[in-house]
Amino acid sequence: MSSLTSSSPGWKSAVRKVKKKVDSMVHNYPELPKTLPREDRWIGSKISVKNYNIFLDRNEKIGYKFYWENNNVYIIDMANREHEAVVSYLQECFRVPNNGVKRGPLKILGQPSPDIAVCPNNAHVSQPLILHPGPPPGDGRPHARFICEVANAQSIDYWNTKCEAWMHEKYVRCVFGIKIYPKKIIGITVHRQMIARLWTRGASAGSVLSADVTLEGAGVYVKEWDFGTIQYNNNTPTPTGCNALNLNAFQVTIPISDAFYDPPIIRGVPAEYAVFVPGTVVGVNFVIDLYEIQQEVLDAQ
């Protein structure tokens, strides 16, 4: 008769099963469905924020996007080729100022929460004079300054609300969102409708004050681009004009200096100060060409 020892595969497997069972009993977080779910499927209830964060850590690379609301967890989107193509392109755009250095002044992070988060390297974050001074920025940690959200199955209203929710965080300087619509076949041609929106703290050419009234006091503005092969929200298949590289109307520029926004907090309010940009940073703006995003989606579909 065989017996299990501490070095045998069977013993290790048994230990893993016990640990998993204990983990499930201690932490009340949902398990992913065994079959491919609809993107808006509810998967767990009575989930605390702490256990939701544990759940995200355990499932960081599986390609689902989750949403937590009132202790309930939902699947709201799933990564596919088009989604990942756009995310990869945007990550490369945000890496350009690092000038090819693998551990440069900027960190470009992925899921589990936003699709992309851009933050300064720890070495370029000011340490507070007072321990635990309050919420970021200015608490000595490299919090994200830019957020990117790419939506496939999410409704435009949900995607818009999620993007604007990020702007309620004082340390977030801008949010860039892409909404990709399903394929639309006209004749023998496959078209895609796509829009982009950029939320910033301060007006720029073509931007308007955010419709979110709770953000008005913060001076949050939003600008939109309709850049698919045909216009969205239009029954007539009309081209958008986004049909070549380097068209000014379809260039998104974001100041690199905002990525290093890190003022001290005084009575809960960010103080006025001069942003310091490391000398190793290359360029003045992040540049996103929407035609390239359009082509990435078409190539991946």
Protein backbone atom coordinates (compact mmCIF):
# COMPACT_ATOMS: atom_id res chain seq x y z
CA MET A 1 0.00 0.00 0.00
CA SER A 2 1.43 3.38 -0.99
CA SER A 3 1.57 6.29 1.42
CA LEU A 4 1.83 10.06 0.98
CA THR A 5 5.02 11.83 2.00
CA SER A 6 5.79 15.54 2.20
CA SER A 7 7.74 15.29 -1.05
CA SER A 8 5.23 13.28 -3.09
CA PRO A 9 3.05 14.95 -5.77
CA GLY A 10 -0.07 13.43 -4.19
CA TRP A 11 0.69 14.99 -0.81
CA LYS A 12 1.31 18.41 -2.36
CA SER A 13 -1.95 18.16 -4.31
CA ALA A 14 -3.86 17.27 -1.13
CA VAL A 15 -2.32 20.24 0.71
CA ARG A 16 -3.29 22.58 -2.12
CA LYS A 17 -6.90 21.35 -2.00
CA VAL A 18 -7.07 21.88 1.77
CA LYS A 19 -5.58 25.36 1.48
CA LYS A 20 -8.04 26.26 -1.27
CA LYS A 21 -10.99 25.03 0.81
CA VAL A 22 -9.84 26.97 3.88
CA ASP A 23 -9.20 30.05 1.73
CA SER A 24 -12.75 29.84 0.33
CA MET A 25 -14.20 29.51 3.83
CA VAL A 26 -12.24 32.47 5.21
CA HIS A 27 -12.74 34.79 2.23
CA ASN A 28 -16.18 35.32 0.78
CA TYR A 29 -15.36 36.06 -2.85
CA PRO A 30 -16.97 34.73 -6.03
CA GLU A 31 -15.66 31.98 -8.29
CA LEU A 32 -15.55 32.45 -12.03
CA PRO A 33 -18.17 30.53 -14.03
CA LYS A 34 -16.99 27.33 -15.75
CA THR A 35 -18.64 28.35 -19.05
CA LEU A 36 -18.22 31.56 -21.00
CA PRO A 37 -20.67 34.07 -19.45
CA ARG A 38 -22.47 37.06 -20.80
CA GLU A 39 -20.46 40.20 -20.14
CA ASP A 40 -22.97 41.60 -17.65
CA ARG A 41 -23.38 38.40 -15.64
CA TRP A 42 -23.68 38.65 -11.87
CA ILE A 43 -21.17 36.29 -10.25
CA GLY A 44 -21.14 37.01 -6.52
CA SER A 45 -23.04 38.66 -3.67
CA LYS A 46 -22.21 39.93 -0.18
CA ILE A 47 -18.59 40.56 -1.19
CA SER A 48 -16.64 43.03 0.94
CA VAL A 49 -14.21 45.50 -0.62
CA LYS A 50 -11.33 43.63 1.02
CA ASN A 51 -12.38 40.27 -0.41
CA TYR A 52 -13.15 41.83 -3.79
CA ASN A 53 -9.57 43.10 -3.92
CA ILE A 54 -8.30 39.60 -3.02
CA PHE A 55 -10.46 38.21 -5.81
CA LEU A 56 -8.96 40.72 -8.29
CA ASP A 57 -5.43 39.79 -7.24
CA ARG A 58 -6.16 36.10 -7.78
CA ASN A 59 -7.71 36.71 -11.22
CA GLU A 60 -5.56 39.53 -12.56
CA LYS A 61 -4.62 37.92 -15.87
CA ILE A 62 -7.76 36.05 -16.90
CA GLY A 63 -9.16 38.69 -19.25
CA TYR A 64 -12.46 39.47 -17.54
CA LYS A 65 -13.35 42.96 -16.33
CA PHE A 66 -15.25 43.10 -13.07
CA TYR A 67 -17.46 45.63 -11.33
CA TRP A 68 -18.24 45.84 -7.60
CA GLU A 69 -21.41 47.60 -6.44
CA ASN A 70 -23.24 47.33 -3.12
CA ASN A 71 -21.34 44.14 -2.22
CA ASN A 72 -22.24 42.49 -5.55
CA VAL A 73 -19.67 41.54 -8.22
CA TYR A 74 -20.45 41.52 -11.93
CA ILE A 75 -18.55 40.65 -15.11
CA ILE A 76 -18.95 43.71 -17.32
CA ASP A 77 -16.58 42.95 -20.21
CA MET A 78 -14.12 40.41 -21.53
CA ALA A 79 -10.88 41.00 -23.37
CA ASN A 80 -10.76 39.98 -27.02
CA ARG A 81 -8.33 40.57 -29.88
CA GLU A 82 -9.61 44.05 -30.68
CA HIS A 83 -9.54 45.09 -27.02
CA GLU A 84 -6.02 43.80 -26.46
CA ALA A 85 -4.76 45.35 -29.71
CA VAL A 86 -5.94 48.79 -28.58
CA VAL A 87 -4.57 48.36 -25.05
CA SER A 88 -1.16 47.27 -26.41
CA TYR A 89 -1.03 50.27 -28.76
CA LEU A 90 -1.88 52.72 -25.97
CA GLN A 91 0.72 51.19 -23.67
CA GLU A 92 3.37 51.79 -26.34
CA CYS A 93 2.25 55.42 -26.69
CA PHE A 94 2.72 55.99 -22.96
CA ARG A 95 6.13 54.30 -22.96
CA VAL A 96 7.62 56.63 -25.61
CA PRO A 97 8.85 59.27 -23.09
CA ASN A 98 10.92 56.57 -21.35
CA ASN A 99 13.10 56.56 -24.49
CA GLY A 100 13.47 52.78 -24.64
CA VAL A 101 14.52 52.39 -21.01
CA LYS A 102 12.78 49.38 -19.47
CA ARG A 103 12.68 50.88 -15.97
CA GLY A 104 12.20 54.51 -16.86
CA PRO A 105 10.58 57.46 -15.09
CA LEU A 106 7.09 56.27 -16.07
CA LYS A 107 5.31 53.04 -15.13
CA ILE A 108 2.62 51.67 -17.44
CA LEU A 109 0.38 49.24 -15.58
CA GLY A 110 -2.47 47.02 -16.79
CA GLN A 111 -5.51 45.33 -15.27
CA PRO A 112 -7.18 44.34 -12.93
CA SER A 113 -8.92 47.68 -12.35
CA PRO A 114 -8.43 50.08 -15.28
CA ASP A 115 -7.16 48.77 -18.60
CA ILE A 116 -4.11 51.04 -18.30
CA ALA A 117 -2.78 53.18 -15.47
CA VAL A 118 0.16 55.55 -15.99
CA CYS A 119 2.08 56.63 -12.92
CA PRO A 120 5.51 58.00 -12.07
CA ASN A 121 8.30 55.70 -10.96
CA ASN A 122 8.74 55.59 -7.18
CA ALA A 123 12.00 57.53 -7.48
CA HIS A 124 10.06 60.54 -8.82
CA VAL A 125 7.41 60.72 -6.11
CA SER A 126 7.94 63.27 -3.33
CA GLN A 127 7.93 61.89 0.19
CA PRO A 128 5.60 63.73 2.60
CA LEU A 129 6.98 65.78 5.48
CA ILE A 130 4.23 64.43 7.73
CA LEU A 131 3.54 60.69 7.96
CA HIS A 132 0.12 59.68 6.58
CA PRO A 133 -0.84 63.18 5.36
CA GLY A 134 -4.09 62.00 3.81
CA PRO A 135 -5.32 60.86 0.41
CA PRO A 136 -3.15 61.03 -2.72
CA PRO A 137 -1.52 62.85 -4.37
CA GLY A 138 1.30 63.87 -2.08
CA ASP A 139 1.31 60.81 0.17
CA GLY A 140 4.61 59.43 -1.11
CA ARG A 141 3.15 56.65 -3.29
CA PRO A 142 3.16 56.35 -7.10
CA HIS A 143 -0.58 56.65 -7.74
CA ALA A 144 -1.88 56.64 -11.31
CA ARG A 145 -2.13 60.05 -12.95
CA PHE A 146 -3.63 58.83 -16.24
CA ILE A 147 -6.31 56.18 -16.69
CA CYS A 148 -7.37 54.43 -19.91
CA GLU A 149 -10.57 52.42 -20.31
CA VAL A 150 -11.36 50.42 -23.47
CA ALA A 151 -14.94 49.13 -23.83
CA ASN A 152 -16.34 46.36 -26.03
CA ALA A 153 -19.58 44.99 -24.58
CA GLN A 154 -20.13 47.77 -22.04
CA SER A 155 -22.88 50.21 -22.92
CA ILE A 156 -21.72 53.70 -23.78
CA ASP A 157 -23.51 55.08 -20.72
CA TYR A 158 -21.82 52.64 -18.35
CA TRP A 159 -18.41 53.21 -19.97
CA ASN A 160 -18.86 57.00 -19.75
CA THR A 161 -19.91 56.82 -16.10
CA LYS A 162 -16.93 54.61 -15.25
CA CYS A 163 -14.49 56.99 -16.94
CA GLU A 164 -15.93 60.02 -15.17
CA ALA A 165 -15.85 58.17 -11.85
CA TRP A 166 -12.04 58.07 -12.12
CA MET A 167 -11.99 61.87 -12.35
CA HIS A 168 -13.46 62.07 -8.85
CA GLU A 169 -10.03 60.94 -7.61
CA LYS A 170 -7.92 64.05 -7.03
CA TYR A 171 -4.70 62.38 -8.13
CA VAL A 172 -6.08 61.44 -11.60
CA ARG A 173 -5.16 64.14 -14.10
CA CYS A 174 -6.91 62.72 -17.14
CA VAL A 175 -8.92 59.75 -18.37
CA PHE A 176 -8.80 58.52 -21.95
CA GLY A 177 -11.55 56.18 -23.08
CA ILE A 178 -12.20 54.16 -26.24
CA LYS A 179 -15.59 52.65 -27.07
CA ILE A 180 -15.61 49.98 -29.82
CA TYR A 181 -18.96 49.07 -31.38
CA PRO A 182 -19.86 45.72 -33.00
CA LYS A 183 -19.09 45.03 -36.64
CA LYS A 184 -21.39 46.60 -39.21
CA ILE A 185 -21.42 45.00 -42.67
CA ILE A 186 -22.40 47.27 -45.54
CA GLY A 187 -22.29 45.46 -48.88
CA ILE A 188 -19.12 43.41 -48.64
CA THR A 189 -17.27 45.83 -46.36
CA VAL A 190 -16.95 45.37 -42.60
CA HIS A 191 -17.12 48.70 -40.77
CA ARG A 192 -16.54 49.60 -37.12
CA GLN A 193 -17.91 52.57 -35.27
CA MET A 194 -15.55 53.91 -32.61
CA ILE A 195 -15.43 56.93 -30.36
CA ALA A 196 -12.80 58.34 -28.03
CA ARG A 197 -13.22 60.71 -25.12
CA LEU A 198 -10.61 62.55 -23.09
CA TRP A 199 -11.42 63.98 -19.66
CA THR A 200 -8.93 66.57 -18.35
CA ARG A 201 -8.63 69.04 -15.48
CA GLY A 202 -8.75 72.22 -17.52
CA ALA A 203 -10.12 73.34 -20.87
CA SER A 204 -8.41 72.63 -24.18
CA ALA A 205 -9.33 73.29 -27.81
CA GLY A 206 -12.62 71.59 -28.61
CA SER A 207 -13.34 70.46 -25.04
CA VAL A 208 -16.51 71.20 -23.08
CA LEU A 209 -17.30 71.21 -19.38
CA SER A 210 -18.21 67.73 -18.17
CA ALA A 211 -21.93 66.99 -17.89
CA ASP A 212 -21.25 65.36 -14.51
CA VAL A 213 -22.37 68.19 -12.21
CA THR A 214 -20.37 66.80 -9.29
CA LEU A 215 -17.21 67.37 -11.34
CA GLU A 216 -17.93 70.94 -12.43
CA GLY A 217 -16.28 72.49 -9.40
CA ALA A 218 -13.07 70.64 -10.24
CA GLY A 219 -13.01 72.13 -13.75
CA VAL A 220 -13.20 68.79 -15.56
CA TYR A 221 -13.57 69.06 -19.31
CA VAL A 222 -14.23 66.40 -21.94
CA LYS A 223 -13.46 66.18 -25.66
CA GLU A 224 -14.84 63.59 -28.08
CA TRP A 225 -13.62 62.11 -31.36
CA ASP A 226 -15.72 60.03 -33.77
CA PHE A 227 -12.97 58.06 -35.52
CA GLY A 228 -14.34 54.76 -36.82
CA THR A 229 -14.70 53.92 -40.49
CA ILE A 230 -18.27 55.25 -40.31
CA GLN A 231 -19.93 57.64 -37.87
CA TYR A 232 -21.55 56.26 -34.75
CA ASN A 233 -25.15 57.08 -33.78
CA ASN A 234 -25.97 57.71 -37.42
CA ASN A 235 -28.25 55.53 -39.55
CA THR A 236 -26.56 56.75 -42.72
CA PRO A 237 -23.15 55.08 -43.29
CA THR A 238 -21.18 58.34 -43.39
CA PRO A 239 -17.35 58.28 -43.22
CA THR A 240 -15.74 60.03 -40.25
CA GLY A 241 -12.75 61.38 -42.17
CA CYS A 242 -10.28 59.40 -40.07
CA ASN A 243 -8.58 57.80 -43.05
CA ALA A 244 -4.85 58.52 -42.77
CA LEU A 245 -1.99 58.98 -40.32
CA ASN A 246 -1.06 62.32 -38.75
CA LEU A 247 -4.38 64.09 -39.31
CA ASN A 248 -4.57 66.97 -36.81
CA ALA A 249 -8.28 66.38 -36.18
CA PHE A 250 -7.55 62.83 -35.00
CA GLN A 251 -4.46 63.42 -32.87
CA VAL A 252 -4.84 63.19 -29.08
CA THR A 253 -2.14 65.02 -27.13
CA ILE A 254 -1.71 64.84 -23.35
CA PRO A 255 1.01 66.80 -21.48
CA ILE A 256 3.66 64.44 -20.13
CA SER A 257 4.18 66.80 -17.20
CA ASP A 258 0.77 65.80 -15.80
CA ALA A 259 2.11 62.29 -15.23
CA PHE A 260 4.41 63.73 -12.53
CA TYR A 261 1.73 65.77 -10.77
CA ASP A 262 2.50 65.27 -7.07
CA PRO A 263 1.64 68.30 -4.90
CA PRO A 264 1.57 68.21 -1.10
CA ILE A 265 -1.87 67.99 0.51
CA ILE A 266 -2.84 70.90 2.77
CA ARG A 267 -6.07 70.39 4.71
CA GLY A 268 -7.18 67.84 2.13
CA VAL A 269 -6.52 70.14 -0.86
CA PRO A 270 -3.60 69.80 -3.33
CA ALA A 271 -1.32 72.82 -2.99
CA GLU A 272 -0.16 74.94 -5.92
CA TYR A 273 3.32 73.99 -7.02
CA ALA A 274 5.57 73.59 -10.07
CA VAL A 275 5.59 70.13 -11.62
CA PHE A 276 9.06 68.60 -11.88
CA VAL A 277 9.67 66.50 -15.01
CA PRO A 278 12.79 64.27 -14.87
CA GLY A 279 15.48 65.25 -17.35
CA THR A 280 15.51 61.75 -18.86
CA VAL A 281 11.95 62.18 -20.18
CA VAL A 282 11.76 62.57 -23.95
CA GLY A 283 9.17 64.90 -25.51
CA VAL A 284 6.49 67.27 -24.26
CA ASN A 285 3.27 65.39 -25.00
CA PHE A 286 1.99 61.85 -25.21
CA VAL A 287 0.64 61.53 -28.76
CA ILE A 288 -2.12 59.07 -29.68
CA ASP A 289 -3.05 58.73 -33.35
CA LEU A 290 -6.67 57.60 -33.58
CA TYR A 291 -6.21 56.32 -37.12
CA GLU A 292 -3.68 53.80 -35.81
CA ILE A 293 -6.17 52.67 -33.17
CA GLN A 294 -8.81 52.29 -35.87
CA GLN A 295 -6.45 50.16 -37.94
CA GLU A 296 -5.46 48.02 -34.94
CA VAL A 297 -9.12 47.17 -34.39
CA LEU A 298 -9.70 46.37 -38.07
CA ASP A 299 -6.61 44.16 -38.25
CA ALA A 300 -7.65 42.24 -35.13
CA GLN A 301 -11.33 41.65 -35.96
